[in-house]
């Protein structure tokens, strides 16, 4: 348990620091001075070193990190964040969530390249139902189905269409078993037993290897779909339609999920490493997407304050921004406290 807890803290801290690193890199690119880059949250343990005017510090609370730009809420300080042009500020605010989503793409790529992808153009018999036409004709698990009545099939849909176009009629199936190609005759059932299908097989596709670069389009798509799912959660939670596993969680809930990942509960049948990577994706996508919501004190809320200046050239009063951000910060903290209490009163259940 202690090892799991230390690993969990390390993973969570790394993903939060990655978010702050995005802000830091963007600030450096746009010429905004950063006063401090902290590992962990204050109080400070020690200053590690100073480089180009930025203090790099180690702090006592090991649950993330922070970036302290010069003049974050003081537009009169030259070279500070609040004094920068609107697009520069938006760029700095966007960089943190972008870094988290970029990490999700990279990790999804690792998972996909490790697991491989099914080759949907090859149809393999995964299971043959007892007393079915397929069993009586001699089909076996592992056979590759090539054609029906001399019509080549390269997808589940093509195979099903050919079978169901010939219900009650004899069909010729060409298949490959190991290196040998052979043929069988069978008659698809007009009224098969429930959940058995006309010929009585369960289909699958063999998995082919794929490298990380080949997996990138799939990992980008997976990250987009995951982000959309996270965006839908707040509304679903308010409406009471979100499943228990989808509810927001606090630190205990995240630890429970991490422990479940170590026990291979997130994606059964795969390694602990894959499960932990899935946990990391869940956290980093949540950090990226939720920080973009237009909530005061979060990156999305800060971007919202910049938009009037960008559109109509008028800056929202810094005093108004400070008050709203302070209220927003308190509200977020109270919400986090609620979620942490909920972790104990209604522990999250993994599937």
Protein backbone atom coordinates (compact mmCIF):
# COMPACT_ATOMS: atom_id res chain seq x y z
CA UNK A 1 0.00 0.00 0.00
CA UNK A 2 2.84 2.40 0.84
CA UNK A 3 4.54 1.64 -2.48
CA UNK A 4 1.26 2.17 -4.34
CA UNK A 5 0.68 5.44 -2.51
CA UNK A 6 4.16 6.75 -3.32
CA UNK A 7 3.79 5.72 -6.96
CA UNK A 8 0.37 7.36 -7.13
CA UNK A 9 1.73 10.62 -5.71
CA UNK A 10 4.59 10.49 -8.20
CA UNK A 11 2.29 9.91 -11.19
CA UNK A 12 -0.18 12.62 -10.14
CA UNK A 13 2.58 15.12 -9.40
CA UNK A 14 4.27 14.41 -12.73
CA UNK A 15 1.07 15.08 -14.70
CA UNK A 16 0.39 18.33 -12.83
CA UNK A 17 4.00 19.44 -13.27
CA UNK A 18 3.64 18.63 -16.98
CA UNK A 19 0.67 21.01 -17.11
CA UNK A 20 2.71 23.76 -15.43
CA UNK A 21 5.64 23.02 -17.72
CA UNK A 22 3.36 23.86 -20.64
CA UNK A 23 2.66 27.29 -19.13
CA UNK A 24 6.38 27.74 -18.39
CA UNK A 25 7.54 26.86 -21.92
CA UNK A 26 4.92 29.13 -23.50
CA UNK A 27 5.94 31.99 -21.21
CA UNK A 28 9.58 31.52 -22.23
CA UNK A 29 8.66 31.43 -25.93
CA UNK A 30 6.56 34.61 -25.68
CA UNK A 31 9.09 36.49 -23.57
CA UNK A 32 7.08 36.56 -20.33
CA UNK A 33 9.35 36.47 -17.29
CA UNK A 34 8.72 33.63 -14.83
CA UNK A 35 9.72 34.35 -11.24
CA UNK A 36 9.41 30.81 -9.88
CA UNK A 37 8.91 27.25 -11.10
CA UNK A 38 7.96 25.14 -8.11
CA UNK A 39 7.97 21.38 -7.70
CA UNK A 40 5.31 20.60 -5.12
CA UNK A 41 3.16 23.24 -3.42
CA UNK A 42 4.31 25.69 -0.70
CA UNK A 43 5.58 26.00 1.92
CA UNK A 44 9.03 25.92 0.36
CA UNK A 45 11.67 23.43 1.41
CA UNK A 46 14.55 24.97 -0.49
CA UNK A 47 15.57 26.83 -3.60
CA UNK A 48 17.24 24.30 -5.90
CA UNK A 49 18.88 26.82 -8.22
CA UNK A 50 18.25 29.96 -10.23
CA UNK A 51 18.54 30.20 -14.02
CA UNK A 52 17.86 33.22 -16.23
CA UNK A 53 16.00 35.00 -13.48
CA UNK A 54 13.74 32.07 -12.57
CA UNK A 55 13.95 30.37 -9.19
CA UNK A 56 13.48 26.59 -9.25
CA UNK A 57 12.18 25.46 -5.88
CA UNK A 58 11.25 22.30 -3.99
CA UNK A 59 8.15 22.52 -1.80
CA UNK A 60 6.57 20.43 0.95
CA UNK A 61 3.24 19.33 -0.59
CA UNK A 62 4.19 16.72 -3.22
CA UNK A 63 0.99 16.81 -5.28
CA UNK A 64 2.07 18.79 -8.31
CA UNK A 65 3.80 22.06 -8.99
CA UNK A 66 3.23 25.66 -10.01
CA UNK A 67 4.52 28.46 -12.22
CA UNK A 68 4.62 32.03 -10.93
CA UNK A 69 4.82 34.49 -13.84
CA UNK A 70 5.94 38.04 -13.23
CA UNK A 71 3.00 40.42 -12.78
CA UNK A 72 0.30 37.81 -13.29
CA UNK A 73 -2.38 40.21 -12.05
CA UNK A 74 -0.50 43.52 -12.40
CA UNK A 75 -0.76 44.97 -15.93
CA UNK A 76 1.51 47.88 -15.02
CA UNK A 77 4.59 45.62 -14.62
CA UNK A 78 6.56 45.58 -17.85
CA UNK A 79 7.51 42.11 -19.05
CA UNK A 80 4.84 40.51 -16.87
CA UNK A 81 1.99 38.28 -17.93
CA UNK A 82 -0.85 40.75 -17.33
CA UNK A 83 1.01 43.40 -19.38
CA UNK A 84 1.47 41.06 -22.36
CA UNK A 85 -0.67 41.24 -25.50
CA UNK A 86 -3.99 39.36 -25.42
CA UNK A 87 -2.86 36.59 -27.78
CA UNK A 88 0.27 36.07 -25.70
CA UNK A 89 -1.77 35.64 -22.52
CA UNK A 90 -4.16 33.25 -24.27
CA UNK A 91 -1.19 31.28 -25.58
CA UNK A 92 0.30 30.95 -22.10
CA UNK A 93 -3.04 29.89 -20.61
CA UNK A 94 -3.71 27.35 -23.37
CA UNK A 95 -0.25 25.78 -23.17
CA UNK A 96 -0.90 23.93 -19.89
CA UNK A 97 -4.01 22.06 -21.05
CA UNK A 98 -2.40 21.53 -24.46
CA UNK A 99 0.58 19.82 -22.81
CA UNK A 100 -1.76 17.46 -20.94
CA UNK A 101 -3.65 16.54 -24.10
CA UNK A 102 -0.37 16.09 -25.97
CA UNK A 103 0.71 13.68 -23.24
CA UNK A 104 -2.55 11.75 -23.71
CA UNK A 105 -1.81 11.39 -27.44
CA UNK A 106 1.68 10.11 -26.67
CA UNK A 107 0.47 7.61 -24.05
CA UNK A 108 -2.39 6.37 -26.23
CA UNK A 109 0.23 5.80 -28.93
CA UNK A 110 2.27 3.67 -26.53
CA UNK A 111 -0.77 1.59 -25.55
CA UNK A 112 -1.92 1.03 -29.14
CA UNK A 113 1.57 0.10 -30.29
CA UNK A 114 1.86 -2.35 -27.39
CA UNK A 115 -1.53 -4.00 -27.94
CA UNK A 116 -1.59 -3.85 -31.74
CA UNK A 117 -4.74 -3.33 -33.79
CA UNK A 118 -7.13 -5.86 -35.31
CA UNK A 119 -6.78 -6.30 -39.07
CA UNK A 120 -10.44 -5.95 -40.00
CA UNK A 121 -9.80 -7.19 -43.56
CA UNK A 122 -9.06 -10.69 -42.21
CA UNK A 123 -11.93 -12.68 -40.69
CA UNK A 124 -10.96 -15.36 -38.21
CA UNK A 125 -13.18 -17.92 -36.53
CA UNK A 126 -12.85 -17.30 -32.80
CA UNK A 127 -15.42 -19.85 -31.61
CA UNK A 128 -17.59 -22.55 -33.19
CA UNK A 129 -20.99 -23.19 -31.55
CA UNK A 130 -21.84 -26.79 -30.65
CA UNK A 131 -24.19 -28.57 -33.09
CA UNK A 132 -24.14 -25.62 -35.49
CA UNK A 133 -23.80 -25.89 -39.29
CA UNK A 134 -20.24 -24.60 -38.96
CA UNK A 135 -19.28 -27.37 -36.52
CA UNK A 136 -20.99 -30.05 -38.58
CA UNK A 137 -19.13 -28.85 -41.67
CA UNK A 138 -15.78 -29.00 -39.85
CA UNK A 139 -14.83 -25.37 -39.23
CA UNK A 140 -12.45 -24.87 -36.30
CA UNK A 141 -11.35 -21.88 -34.20
CA UNK A 142 -8.42 -20.20 -35.93
CA UNK A 143 -9.69 -20.80 -39.46
CA UNK A 144 -9.55 -17.75 -41.74
CA UNK A 145 -12.64 -17.24 -43.93
CA UNK A 146 -11.70 -16.20 -47.45
CA UNK A 147 -14.85 -16.35 -49.63
CA UNK A 148 -18.46 -17.51 -49.87
CA UNK A 149 -19.74 -18.89 -53.17
CA UNK A 150 -16.56 -17.56 -54.79
CA UNK A 151 -17.31 -14.03 -53.54
CA UNK A 152 -14.29 -12.74 -51.60
CA UNK A 153 -15.13 -11.37 -48.13
CA UNK A 154 -12.90 -8.77 -46.44
CA UNK A 155 -15.16 -7.49 -43.66
CA UNK A 156 -17.69 -8.72 -41.14
CA UNK A 157 -20.42 -6.93 -43.07
CA UNK A 158 -19.55 -8.63 -46.36
CA UNK A 159 -19.46 -12.04 -44.68
CA UNK A 160 -22.79 -11.51 -42.97
CA UNK A 161 -24.46 -10.17 -46.13
CA UNK A 162 -23.34 -13.23 -48.13
CA UNK A 163 -24.55 -15.63 -45.45
CA UNK A 164 -27.93 -13.98 -44.93
CA UNK A 165 -28.52 -13.71 -48.68
CA UNK A 166 -28.46 -17.53 -48.79
CA UNK A 167 -30.44 -18.63 -45.73
CA UNK A 168 -31.67 -22.20 -46.12
CA UNK A 169 -29.51 -22.70 -49.20
CA UNK A 170 -26.21 -24.55 -49.51
CA UNK A 171 -23.19 -22.26 -49.64
CA UNK A 172 -19.53 -22.90 -50.44
CA UNK A 173 -17.05 -21.44 -47.95
CA UNK A 174 -13.36 -21.23 -48.74
CA UNK A 175 -11.12 -21.02 -45.69
CA UNK A 176 -7.46 -21.20 -44.70
CA UNK A 177 -6.20 -23.42 -41.90
CA UNK A 178 -2.53 -22.80 -41.17
CA UNK A 179 -0.94 -22.89 -44.64
CA UNK A 180 -3.65 -24.99 -46.28
CA UNK A 181 -6.65 -23.59 -48.19
CA UNK A 182 -9.77 -25.78 -48.33
CA UNK A 183 -13.53 -25.60 -48.92
CA UNK A 184 -16.66 -26.76 -47.12
CA UNK A 185 -20.39 -26.85 -47.86
CA UNK A 186 -23.02 -25.89 -45.30
CA UNK A 187 -26.58 -24.53 -45.08
CA UNK A 188 -27.16 -21.34 -43.03
CA UNK A 189 -30.10 -21.73 -40.65
CA UNK A 190 -33.23 -19.69 -41.32
CA UNK A 191 -34.23 -19.64 -37.64
CA UNK A 192 -31.07 -20.19 -35.56
CA UNK A 193 -31.17 -20.39 -31.76
CA UNK A 194 -30.94 -17.03 -30.02
CA UNK A 195 -27.46 -15.43 -30.07
CA UNK A 196 -25.97 -18.13 -32.31
CA UNK A 197 -26.23 -16.71 -35.81
CA UNK A 198 -27.06 -18.48 -39.06
CA UNK A 199 -23.95 -20.68 -39.26
CA UNK A 200 -22.94 -20.66 -35.59
CA UNK A 201 -19.56 -18.92 -35.34
CA UNK A 202 -18.06 -16.05 -33.36
CA UNK A 203 -15.85 -13.89 -35.55
CA UNK A 204 -12.73 -11.93 -34.72
CA UNK A 205 -9.74 -10.47 -36.53
CA UNK A 206 -6.06 -11.23 -35.91
CA UNK A 207 -4.08 -8.45 -34.27
CA UNK A 208 -1.25 -6.94 -36.26
CA UNK A 209 1.73 -5.07 -34.87
CA UNK A 210 1.89 -1.30 -35.25
CA UNK A 211 4.61 1.14 -34.27
CA UNK A 212 4.14 4.35 -32.32
CA UNK A 213 4.18 6.62 -35.37
CA UNK A 214 1.65 4.45 -37.20
CA UNK A 215 -0.54 4.59 -34.09
CA UNK A 216 -0.57 8.42 -33.99
CA UNK A 217 -3.79 8.93 -36.03
CA UNK A 218 -5.58 6.44 -33.80
CA UNK A 219 -4.15 7.97 -30.61
CA UNK A 220 -5.19 11.48 -31.70
CA UNK A 221 -8.70 10.19 -32.44
CA UNK A 222 -8.82 8.39 -29.07
CA UNK A 223 -7.73 11.57 -27.26
CA UNK A 224 -10.41 13.62 -29.05
CA UNK A 225 -13.12 11.09 -28.17
CA UNK A 226 -11.91 10.89 -24.57
CA UNK A 227 -11.93 14.69 -24.31
CA UNK A 228 -15.50 14.86 -25.63
CA UNK A 229 -16.56 12.27 -23.04
CA UNK A 230 -14.98 14.34 -20.24
CA UNK A 231 -16.69 17.49 -21.51
CA UNK A 232 -20.06 15.74 -21.32
CA UNK A 233 -19.54 14.60 -17.73
CA UNK A 234 -20.36 17.85 -15.86
CA UNK A 235 -23.80 18.15 -17.51
CA UNK A 236 -24.46 14.43 -17.10
CA UNK A 237 -23.46 14.63 -13.44
CA UNK A 238 -25.77 17.59 -12.81
CA UNK A 239 -28.62 15.75 -14.53
CA UNK A 240 -27.89 12.62 -12.52
CA UNK A 241 -27.35 10.52 -15.64
CA UNK A 242 -23.59 9.90 -15.28
CA UNK A 243 -22.63 6.39 -14.29
CA UNK A 244 -20.96 6.02 -10.86
CA UNK A 245 -17.57 5.32 -12.42
CA UNK A 246 -17.86 8.59 -14.33
CA UNK A 247 -18.43 10.88 -11.38
CA UNK A 248 -15.76 13.40 -10.34
CA UNK A 249 -13.40 12.06 -7.70
CA UNK A 250 -10.99 13.43 -5.14
CA UNK A 251 -7.56 12.20 -4.14
CA UNK A 252 -8.85 9.01 -2.49
CA UNK A 253 -10.98 8.20 -5.53
CA UNK A 254 -8.00 8.71 -7.82
CA UNK A 255 -5.88 6.50 -5.56
CA UNK A 256 -8.57 3.78 -5.63
CA UNK A 257 -8.56 3.91 -9.43
CA UNK A 258 -4.76 3.75 -9.48
CA UNK A 259 -4.77 0.74 -7.14
CA UNK A 260 -7.36 -0.88 -9.40
CA UNK A 261 -5.10 -0.19 -12.38
CA UNK A 262 -2.20 -1.90 -10.62
CA UNK A 263 -4.53 -4.91 -10.13
CA UNK A 264 -5.38 -4.85 -13.87
CA UNK A 265 -9.02 -3.89 -13.31
CA UNK A 266 -9.27 -1.05 -15.85
CA UNK A 267 -8.61 -3.23 -18.89
CA UNK A 268 -8.74 -6.88 -17.77
CA UNK A 269 -6.51 -9.25 -19.66
CA UNK A 270 -3.74 -6.69 -20.14
CA UNK A 271 -0.66 -5.93 -18.08
CA UNK A 272 -0.47 -3.65 -15.06
CA UNK A 273 1.66 -1.29 -17.16
CA UNK A 274 -1.11 -0.84 -19.73
CA UNK A 275 -3.65 -0.30 -16.94
CA UNK A 276 -1.48 2.33 -15.23
CA UNK A 277 -1.00 4.09 -18.58
CA UNK A 278 -4.79 4.17 -18.97
CA UNK A 279 -5.03 5.74 -15.51
CA UNK A 280 -2.48 8.37 -16.55
CA UNK A 281 -4.51 9.14 -19.66
CA UNK A 282 -7.65 9.57 -17.60
CA UNK A 283 -5.94 12.07 -15.28
CA UNK A 284 -4.09 14.03 -17.96
CA UNK A 285 -7.16 14.35 -20.23
CA UNK A 286 -9.23 15.50 -17.24
CA UNK A 287 -6.57 18.07 -16.32
CA UNK A 288 -6.43 19.33 -19.88
CA UNK A 289 -10.14 19.48 -20.63
CA UNK A 290 -11.49 20.67 -17.26
CA UNK A 291 -8.92 23.47 -17.08
CA UNK A 292 -10.31 24.79 -20.36
CA UNK A 293 -13.80 25.21 -18.94
CA UNK A 294 -14.78 28.88 -18.53
CA UNK A 295 -14.57 28.72 -14.74
CA UNK A 296 -12.90 31.61 -12.87
CA UNK A 297 -9.42 30.79 -11.54
CA UNK A 298 -8.96 28.01 -14.14
CA UNK A 299 -7.19 28.56 -17.44
CA UNK A 300 -10.48 28.70 -19.33
CA UNK A 301 -11.79 31.38 -16.99
CA UNK A 302 -8.66 33.48 -17.45
CA UNK A 303 -8.96 33.15 -21.23
CA UNK A 304 -12.58 34.32 -20.96
CA UNK A 305 -11.39 37.57 -19.36
CA UNK A 306 -8.96 38.18 -22.23
CA UNK A 307 -11.56 37.77 -25.01
CA UNK A 308 -13.23 41.22 -24.61
CA UNK A 309 -9.84 42.87 -25.00
CA UNK A 310 -9.12 40.76 -28.06
CA UNK A 311 -12.52 41.40 -29.66
CA UNK A 312 -13.37 45.00 -28.77
CA UNK A 313 -10.02 46.23 -27.49
CA UNK A 314 -11.26 46.88 -23.95
CA UNK A 315 -9.63 45.19 -20.97
CA UNK A 316 -11.76 43.86 -18.13
CA UNK A 317 -10.82 45.69 -14.93
CA UNK A 318 -8.03 43.89 -13.13
CA UNK A 319 -9.85 44.46 -9.85
CA UNK A 320 -12.92 42.68 -11.25
CA UNK A 321 -10.73 39.85 -12.51
CA UNK A 322 -9.04 39.46 -9.12
CA UNK A 323 -12.36 39.37 -7.25
CA UNK A 324 -13.99 36.90 -9.65
CA UNK A 325 -10.91 34.67 -9.72
CA UNK A 326 -10.75 34.68 -5.92
CA UNK A 327 -14.41 33.68 -5.67
CA UNK A 328 -13.87 31.07 -8.37
CA UNK A 329 -10.83 29.67 -6.59
CA UNK A 330 -12.74 29.34 -3.30
CA UNK A 331 -15.63 27.66 -5.14
CA UNK A 332 -13.29 25.18 -6.82
CA UNK A 333 -11.63 24.38 -3.48
CA UNK A 334 -15.03 23.80 -1.84
CA UNK A 335 -16.05 21.56 -4.74
CA UNK A 336 -12.84 19.56 -4.39
CA UNK A 337 -13.49 19.16 -0.66
CA UNK A 338 -16.98 17.87 -1.49
CA UNK A 339 -15.60 15.35 -3.97
CA UNK A 340 -13.02 14.17 -1.44
CA UNK A 341 -15.74 13.67 1.18
CA UNK A 342 -17.79 11.79 -1.42
CA UNK A 343 -14.83 9.42 -1.95
CA UNK A 344 -15.30 8.22 1.62
CA UNK A 345 -19.09 8.30 1.90
CA UNK A 346 -19.70 6.78 -1.55
CA UNK A 347 -16.50 5.03 -2.69
CA UNK A 348 -16.09 4.68 -6.42
CA UNK A 349 -16.71 1.20 -7.83
CA UNK A 350 -14.52 -0.04 -10.64
CA UNK A 351 -16.15 -2.21 -13.33
